[in-house]
Amino acid sequence: MSARGLSRSPPMTRAKHHRSVAFHAQGGRCYYCSQPMWLSDHVSFAQRHRISTAQARQLQCTAEHLQPKATGGTLCRSNVVAACLFCNRTRGKVSPAPEPQKFRQRVRARCNSGKWHSLS
């Protein structure tokens, strides 16, 4: 319970809330690759964009911690952006995780040269 007698939301609920807020603030596009993402229905998303459901799964919206939790990042709104599953996992595979702006620049350069995932 908080000082006001209200219970705090469990971390999962806060994460979903931050992910949804970031998704809408970013116009439904990934922070890194700028591809459109989905929150709840990958089948409809796949049909709408004429891609396979496997491709659509890679574009699921995730809550990306700019400063990873493993290095002290917190679950606060200013540390969370919406990123597609592919970009989030790719950044997470590197240890230590690349700086968000540098990773974003690298991803966008690869997108522009056709060397990153896309809807086409």
N, C-alpha and C. Protein backbone atom coordinates (compact mmCIF):
# COMPACT_ATOMS: atom_id res chain seq x y z
N MET A 1 0.83 -1.19 0.00
CA MET A 1 0.00 0.00 0.00
C MET A 1 0.87 1.25 0.00
N SER A 2 0.43 2.24 -0.72
CA SER A 2 1.15 3.51 -0.74
C SER A 2 0.72 4.35 0.45
N ALA A 3 1.34 5.51 0.58
CA ALA A 3 1.04 6.41 1.69
C ALA A 3 -0.43 6.85 1.67
N ARG A 4 -1.04 6.87 0.53
CA ARG A 4 -2.44 7.30 0.42
C ARG A 4 -3.42 6.15 0.62
N GLY A 5 -2.90 4.96 0.88
CA GLY A 5 -3.78 3.83 1.09
C GLY A 5 -4.18 3.11 -0.19
N LEU A 6 -3.60 3.51 -1.30
CA LEU A 6 -3.88 2.86 -2.58
C LEU A 6 -2.77 1.87 -2.89
N SER A 7 -3.15 0.72 -3.36
CA SER A 7 -2.11 -0.25 -3.71
C SER A 7 -1.49 0.13 -5.04
N ARG A 8 -0.21 -0.17 -5.16
CA ARG A 8 0.49 0.10 -6.41
C ARG A 8 0.19 -1.01 -7.40
N SER A 9 0.21 -0.70 -8.67
CA SER A 9 0.00 -1.71 -9.70
C SER A 9 1.18 -2.67 -9.71
N PRO A 10 0.92 -3.93 -9.98
CA PRO A 10 2.04 -4.86 -10.12
C PRO A 10 2.92 -4.44 -11.29
N PRO A 11 4.21 -4.78 -11.28
CA PRO A 11 5.12 -4.38 -12.35
C PRO A 11 4.62 -4.73 -13.75
N MET A 12 4.00 -5.88 -13.94
CA MET A 12 3.53 -6.27 -15.26
C MET A 12 2.48 -5.29 -15.78
N THR A 13 1.59 -4.85 -14.92
CA THR A 13 0.57 -3.90 -15.31
C THR A 13 1.19 -2.56 -15.69
N ARG A 14 2.18 -2.11 -14.92
CA ARG A 14 2.87 -0.86 -15.25
C ARG A 14 3.61 -1.00 -16.58
N ALA A 15 4.24 -2.14 -16.80
CA ALA A 15 4.97 -2.36 -18.06
C ALA A 15 4.01 -2.29 -19.25
N LYS A 16 2.87 -2.94 -19.12
CA LYS A 16 1.88 -2.90 -20.21
C LYS A 16 1.39 -1.48 -20.44
N HIS A 17 1.17 -0.75 -19.35
CA HIS A 17 0.72 0.64 -19.47
C HIS A 17 1.78 1.49 -20.18
N HIS A 18 3.02 1.40 -19.74
CA HIS A 18 4.10 2.17 -20.37
C HIS A 18 4.26 1.79 -21.84
N ARG A 19 4.15 0.50 -22.14
CA ARG A 19 4.26 0.04 -23.53
C ARG A 19 3.15 0.66 -24.37
N SER A 20 1.93 0.63 -23.87
CA SER A 20 0.79 1.18 -24.60
C SER A 20 0.93 2.69 -24.80
N VAL A 21 1.34 3.39 -23.75
CA VAL A 21 1.53 4.85 -23.85
C VAL A 21 2.61 5.16 -24.89
N ALA A 22 3.72 4.44 -24.84
CA ALA A 22 4.81 4.67 -25.80
C ALA A 22 4.36 4.34 -27.22
N PHE A 23 3.63 3.23 -27.37
CA PHE A 23 3.12 2.82 -28.68
C PHE A 23 2.30 3.95 -29.31
N HIS A 24 1.37 4.49 -28.56
CA HIS A 24 0.51 5.56 -29.09
C HIS A 24 1.28 6.86 -29.29
N ALA A 25 2.18 7.19 -28.39
CA ALA A 25 2.99 8.41 -28.53
C ALA A 25 3.88 8.36 -29.77
N GLN A 26 4.31 7.16 -30.15
CA GLN A 26 5.19 6.97 -31.31
C GLN A 26 4.39 6.65 -32.58
N GLY A 27 3.09 6.82 -32.53
CA GLY A 27 2.27 6.57 -33.71
C GLY A 27 2.26 5.11 -34.13
N GLY A 28 2.47 4.20 -33.18
CA GLY A 28 2.45 2.77 -33.48
C GLY A 28 3.67 2.28 -34.22
N ARG A 29 4.75 3.06 -34.19
CA ARG A 29 5.97 2.68 -34.92
C ARG A 29 7.12 2.41 -33.96
N CYS A 30 7.99 1.50 -34.37
CA CYS A 30 9.14 1.11 -33.56
C CYS A 30 10.11 2.27 -33.38
N TYR A 31 10.60 2.43 -32.18
CA TYR A 31 11.57 3.48 -31.85
C TYR A 31 12.83 3.34 -32.69
N TYR A 32 13.24 2.12 -32.99
CA TYR A 32 14.50 1.89 -33.71
C TYR A 32 14.33 1.84 -35.23
N CYS A 33 13.44 1.01 -35.73
CA CYS A 33 13.35 0.80 -37.19
C CYS A 33 12.20 1.56 -37.85
N SER A 34 11.33 2.16 -37.08
CA SER A 34 10.17 2.92 -37.57
C SER A 34 9.13 2.09 -38.31
N GLN A 35 9.21 0.78 -38.22
CA GLN A 35 8.20 -0.07 -38.84
C GLN A 35 6.93 -0.03 -37.97
N PRO A 36 5.76 -0.21 -38.58
CA PRO A 36 4.53 -0.28 -37.78
C PRO A 36 4.55 -1.53 -36.90
N MET A 37 3.89 -1.44 -35.76
CA MET A 37 3.83 -2.56 -34.81
C MET A 37 2.37 -2.82 -34.45
N TRP A 38 2.14 -3.91 -33.74
CA TRP A 38 0.81 -4.25 -33.25
C TRP A 38 0.88 -4.51 -31.75
N LEU A 39 -0.26 -4.28 -31.08
CA LEU A 39 -0.35 -4.52 -29.64
C LEU A 39 -1.10 -5.81 -29.30
N SER A 40 -2.13 -6.17 -30.09
CA SER A 40 -2.97 -7.27 -29.63
C SER A 40 -3.39 -8.29 -30.67
N ASP A 41 -3.27 -8.05 -31.95
CA ASP A 41 -3.79 -9.00 -32.93
C ASP A 41 -2.86 -9.12 -34.13
N HIS A 42 -1.93 -10.06 -34.06
CA HIS A 42 -0.95 -10.21 -35.14
C HIS A 42 -1.57 -10.74 -36.43
N VAL A 43 -2.66 -11.49 -36.33
CA VAL A 43 -3.29 -12.04 -37.53
C VAL A 43 -3.90 -10.91 -38.37
N SER A 44 -4.66 -10.03 -37.74
CA SER A 44 -5.24 -8.88 -38.46
C SER A 44 -4.15 -7.97 -39.00
N PHE A 45 -3.10 -7.76 -38.19
CA PHE A 45 -1.97 -6.94 -38.62
C PHE A 45 -1.33 -7.54 -39.87
N ALA A 46 -1.13 -8.85 -39.87
CA ALA A 46 -0.53 -9.54 -41.03
C ALA A 46 -1.41 -9.38 -42.26
N GLN A 47 -2.70 -9.55 -42.10
CA GLN A 47 -3.61 -9.40 -43.24
C GLN A 47 -3.60 -7.97 -43.77
N ARG A 48 -3.65 -7.02 -42.86
CA ARG A 48 -3.68 -5.60 -43.26
C ARG A 48 -2.42 -5.20 -44.02
N HIS A 49 -1.27 -5.75 -43.62
CA HIS A 49 -0.01 -5.38 -44.24
C HIS A 49 0.48 -6.38 -45.28
N ARG A 50 -0.34 -7.42 -45.51
CA ARG A 50 -0.02 -8.45 -46.51
C ARG A 50 1.34 -9.10 -46.26
N ILE A 51 1.53 -9.53 -45.00
CA ILE A 51 2.74 -10.24 -44.61
C ILE A 51 2.32 -11.53 -43.91
N SER A 52 3.26 -12.43 -43.71
CA SER A 52 2.95 -13.68 -43.02
C SER A 52 2.76 -13.41 -41.52
N THR A 53 2.11 -14.34 -40.85
CA THR A 53 1.94 -14.19 -39.40
C THR A 53 3.29 -14.30 -38.70
N ALA A 54 4.22 -15.06 -39.27
CA ALA A 54 5.57 -15.14 -38.68
C ALA A 54 6.26 -13.78 -38.75
N GLN A 55 6.13 -13.09 -39.88
CA GLN A 55 6.70 -11.75 -39.99
C GLN A 55 6.01 -10.80 -39.01
N ALA A 56 4.70 -10.93 -38.89
CA ALA A 56 3.94 -10.06 -37.99
C ALA A 56 4.37 -10.24 -36.54
N ARG A 57 4.68 -11.47 -36.15
CA ARG A 57 5.10 -11.71 -34.76
C ARG A 57 6.37 -10.91 -34.43
N GLN A 58 7.25 -10.73 -35.40
CA GLN A 58 8.48 -9.97 -35.18
C GLN A 58 8.20 -8.49 -34.96
N LEU A 59 7.01 -8.05 -35.35
CA LEU A 59 6.64 -6.64 -35.22
C LEU A 59 5.71 -6.38 -34.03
N GLN A 60 5.66 -7.33 -33.11
CA GLN A 60 4.89 -7.13 -31.88
C GLN A 60 5.53 -6.01 -31.07
N CYS A 61 4.70 -5.14 -30.54
CA CYS A 61 5.19 -4.04 -29.71
C CYS A 61 5.67 -4.56 -28.36
N THR A 62 6.88 -4.16 -27.98
CA THR A 62 7.43 -4.50 -26.67
C THR A 62 7.82 -3.22 -25.96
N ALA A 63 7.94 -3.31 -24.65
CA ALA A 63 8.45 -2.19 -23.85
C ALA A 63 9.96 -2.32 -23.80
N GLU A 64 10.65 -1.41 -24.44
CA GLU A 64 12.11 -1.43 -24.50
C GLU A 64 12.66 -0.46 -23.46
N HIS A 65 13.52 -0.96 -22.60
CA HIS A 65 14.17 -0.11 -21.59
C HIS A 65 15.40 0.53 -22.21
N LEU A 66 15.42 1.84 -22.31
CA LEU A 66 16.57 2.54 -22.89
C LEU A 66 17.83 2.22 -22.10
N GLN A 67 17.73 2.29 -20.78
CA GLN A 67 18.80 1.78 -19.93
C GLN A 67 18.30 0.43 -19.42
N PRO A 68 18.94 -0.66 -19.83
CA PRO A 68 18.46 -1.99 -19.46
C PRO A 68 18.33 -2.17 -17.95
N LYS A 69 17.34 -2.96 -17.56
CA LYS A 69 17.14 -3.25 -16.14
C LYS A 69 18.39 -3.87 -15.54
N ALA A 70 19.10 -4.67 -16.33
CA ALA A 70 20.31 -5.35 -15.85
C ALA A 70 21.41 -4.37 -15.43
N THR A 71 21.36 -3.15 -15.97
CA THR A 71 22.38 -2.16 -15.62
C THR A 71 21.80 -1.01 -14.79
N GLY A 72 20.68 -1.29 -14.14
CA GLY A 72 20.11 -0.30 -13.24
C GLY A 72 18.94 0.50 -13.79
N GLY A 73 18.53 0.21 -15.02
CA GLY A 73 17.39 0.91 -15.60
C GLY A 73 16.11 0.59 -14.84
N THR A 74 15.23 1.54 -14.78
CA THR A 74 13.99 1.36 -14.03
C THR A 74 12.79 1.30 -14.96
N LEU A 75 11.67 0.90 -14.40
CA LEU A 75 10.43 0.83 -15.15
C LEU A 75 9.67 2.14 -14.97
N CYS A 76 10.31 3.23 -15.41
CA CYS A 76 9.64 4.53 -15.37
C CYS A 76 9.39 4.96 -16.80
N ARG A 77 8.41 5.79 -16.99
CA ARG A 77 7.97 6.21 -18.33
C ARG A 77 9.13 6.76 -19.16
N SER A 78 10.02 7.52 -18.56
CA SER A 78 11.11 8.14 -19.32
C SER A 78 12.17 7.13 -19.77
N ASN A 79 12.15 5.93 -19.24
CA ASN A 79 13.12 4.90 -19.61
C ASN A 79 12.54 3.86 -20.56
N VAL A 80 11.26 4.00 -20.92
CA VAL A 80 10.59 2.99 -21.75
C VAL A 80 10.14 3.60 -23.07
N VAL A 81 10.49 2.92 -24.16
CA VAL A 81 9.99 3.27 -25.49
C VAL A 81 9.35 2.01 -26.07
N ALA A 82 8.58 2.18 -27.12
CA ALA A 82 7.98 1.04 -27.81
C ALA A 82 8.93 0.60 -28.92
N ALA A 83 9.27 -0.68 -28.90
CA ALA A 83 10.15 -1.23 -29.93
C ALA A 83 9.57 -2.56 -30.40
N CYS A 84 9.75 -2.86 -31.66
CA CYS A 84 9.28 -4.15 -32.16
C CYS A 84 10.12 -5.27 -31.52
N LEU A 85 9.54 -6.44 -31.48
CA LEU A 85 10.20 -7.59 -30.86
C LEU A 85 11.56 -7.85 -31.49
N PHE A 86 11.65 -7.75 -32.81
CA PHE A 86 12.91 -8.00 -33.51
C PHE A 86 14.01 -7.05 -33.04
N CYS A 87 13.73 -5.76 -33.02
CA CYS A 87 14.74 -4.77 -32.60
C CYS A 87 15.09 -4.94 -31.13
N ASN A 88 14.08 -5.17 -30.29
CA ASN A 88 14.32 -5.33 -28.86
C ASN A 88 15.23 -6.53 -28.61
N ARG A 89 14.92 -7.65 -29.24
CA ARG A 89 15.73 -8.86 -29.04
C ARG A 89 17.13 -8.69 -29.62
N THR A 90 17.23 -8.03 -30.76
CA THR A 90 18.54 -7.85 -31.39
C THR A 90 19.43 -6.99 -30.50
N ARG A 91 18.90 -5.90 -29.98
CA ARG A 91 19.69 -5.05 -29.08
C ARG A 91 20.04 -5.81 -27.81
N GLY A 92 19.11 -6.63 -27.32
CA GLY A 92 19.33 -7.37 -26.09
C GLY A 92 20.36 -8.48 -26.20
N LYS A 93 20.67 -8.92 -27.42
CA LYS A 93 21.65 -9.99 -27.62
C LYS A 93 23.08 -9.52 -27.41
N VAL A 94 23.29 -8.22 -27.50
CA VAL A 94 24.63 -7.66 -27.38
C VAL A 94 24.87 -7.26 -25.93
N SER A 95 26.03 -7.64 -25.41
CA SER A 95 26.36 -7.27 -24.03
C SER A 95 27.70 -6.57 -24.00
N PRO A 96 27.75 -5.36 -23.49
CA PRO A 96 26.62 -4.59 -22.99
C PRO A 96 25.76 -4.08 -24.15
N ALA A 97 24.51 -3.80 -23.84
CA ALA A 97 23.59 -3.29 -24.87
C ALA A 97 24.12 -1.98 -25.43
N PRO A 98 24.04 -1.82 -26.77
CA PRO A 98 24.49 -0.56 -27.37
C PRO A 98 23.66 0.62 -26.86
N GLU A 99 24.26 1.79 -26.88
CA GLU A 99 23.53 3.00 -26.52
C GLU A 99 22.32 3.12 -27.44
N PRO A 100 21.15 3.49 -26.92
CA PRO A 100 19.94 3.55 -27.73
C PRO A 100 20.07 4.38 -29.01
N GLN A 101 20.65 5.58 -28.92
CA GLN A 101 20.76 6.43 -30.11
C GLN A 101 21.69 5.82 -31.15
N LYS A 102 22.79 5.22 -30.72
CA LYS A 102 23.71 4.59 -31.66
C LYS A 102 23.06 3.38 -32.32
N PHE A 103 22.34 2.59 -31.53
CA PHE A 103 21.65 1.43 -32.09
C PHE A 103 20.58 1.89 -33.08
N ARG A 104 19.85 2.94 -32.74
CA ARG A 104 18.82 3.48 -33.62
C ARG A 104 19.42 3.94 -34.96
N GLN A 105 20.55 4.65 -34.90
CA GLN A 105 21.22 5.10 -36.12
C GLN A 105 21.66 3.90 -36.97
N ARG A 106 22.22 2.89 -36.31
CA ARG A 106 22.68 1.70 -37.04
C ARG A 106 21.50 0.97 -37.70
N VAL A 107 20.41 0.83 -36.95
CA VAL A 107 19.23 0.15 -37.48
C VAL A 107 18.66 0.92 -38.66
N ARG A 108 18.54 2.22 -38.53
CA ARG A 108 17.96 3.02 -39.63
C ARG A 108 18.85 2.98 -40.87
N ALA A 109 20.16 2.98 -40.67
CA ALA A 109 21.08 2.87 -41.82
C ALA A 109 20.89 1.51 -42.50
N ARG A 110 20.74 0.46 -41.71
CA ARG A 110 20.53 -0.87 -42.27
C ARG A 110 19.16 -0.95 -42.97
N CYS A 111 18.15 -0.30 -42.41
CA CYS A 111 16.83 -0.25 -43.05
C CYS A 111 16.94 0.42 -44.42
N ASN A 112 17.64 1.54 -44.46
CA ASN A 112 17.79 2.29 -45.72
C ASN A 112 18.54 1.51 -46.78
N SER A 113 19.40 0.58 -46.36
CA SER A 113 20.15 -0.22 -47.33
C SER A 113 19.51 -1.59 -47.57
N GLY A 114 18.31 -1.81 -47.00
CA GLY A 114 17.61 -3.06 -47.19
C GLY A 114 18.18 -4.23 -46.42
N LYS A 115 18.94 -3.95 -45.36
CA LYS A 115 19.59 -5.02 -44.60
C LYS A 115 18.99 -5.19 -43.21
N TRP A 116 17.73 -4.84 -43.04
CA TRP A 116 17.01 -5.01 -41.78
C TRP A 116 15.61 -5.46 -42.14
N HIS A 117 14.86 -5.94 -41.22
CA HIS A 117 13.51 -6.41 -41.55
C HIS A 117 12.62 -5.26 -42.00
N SER A 118 11.63 -5.58 -42.80
CA SER A 118 10.67 -4.56 -43.26
C SER A 118 9.38 -5.25 -43.66
N LEU A 119 8.38 -4.46 -43.97
CA LEU A 119 7.09 -5.01 -44.39
C LEU A 119 7.09 -5.48 -45.84
N SER A 120 8.10 -5.14 -46.58
CA SER A 120 8.10 -5.55 -48.00
C SER A 120 8.85 -6.84 -48.21
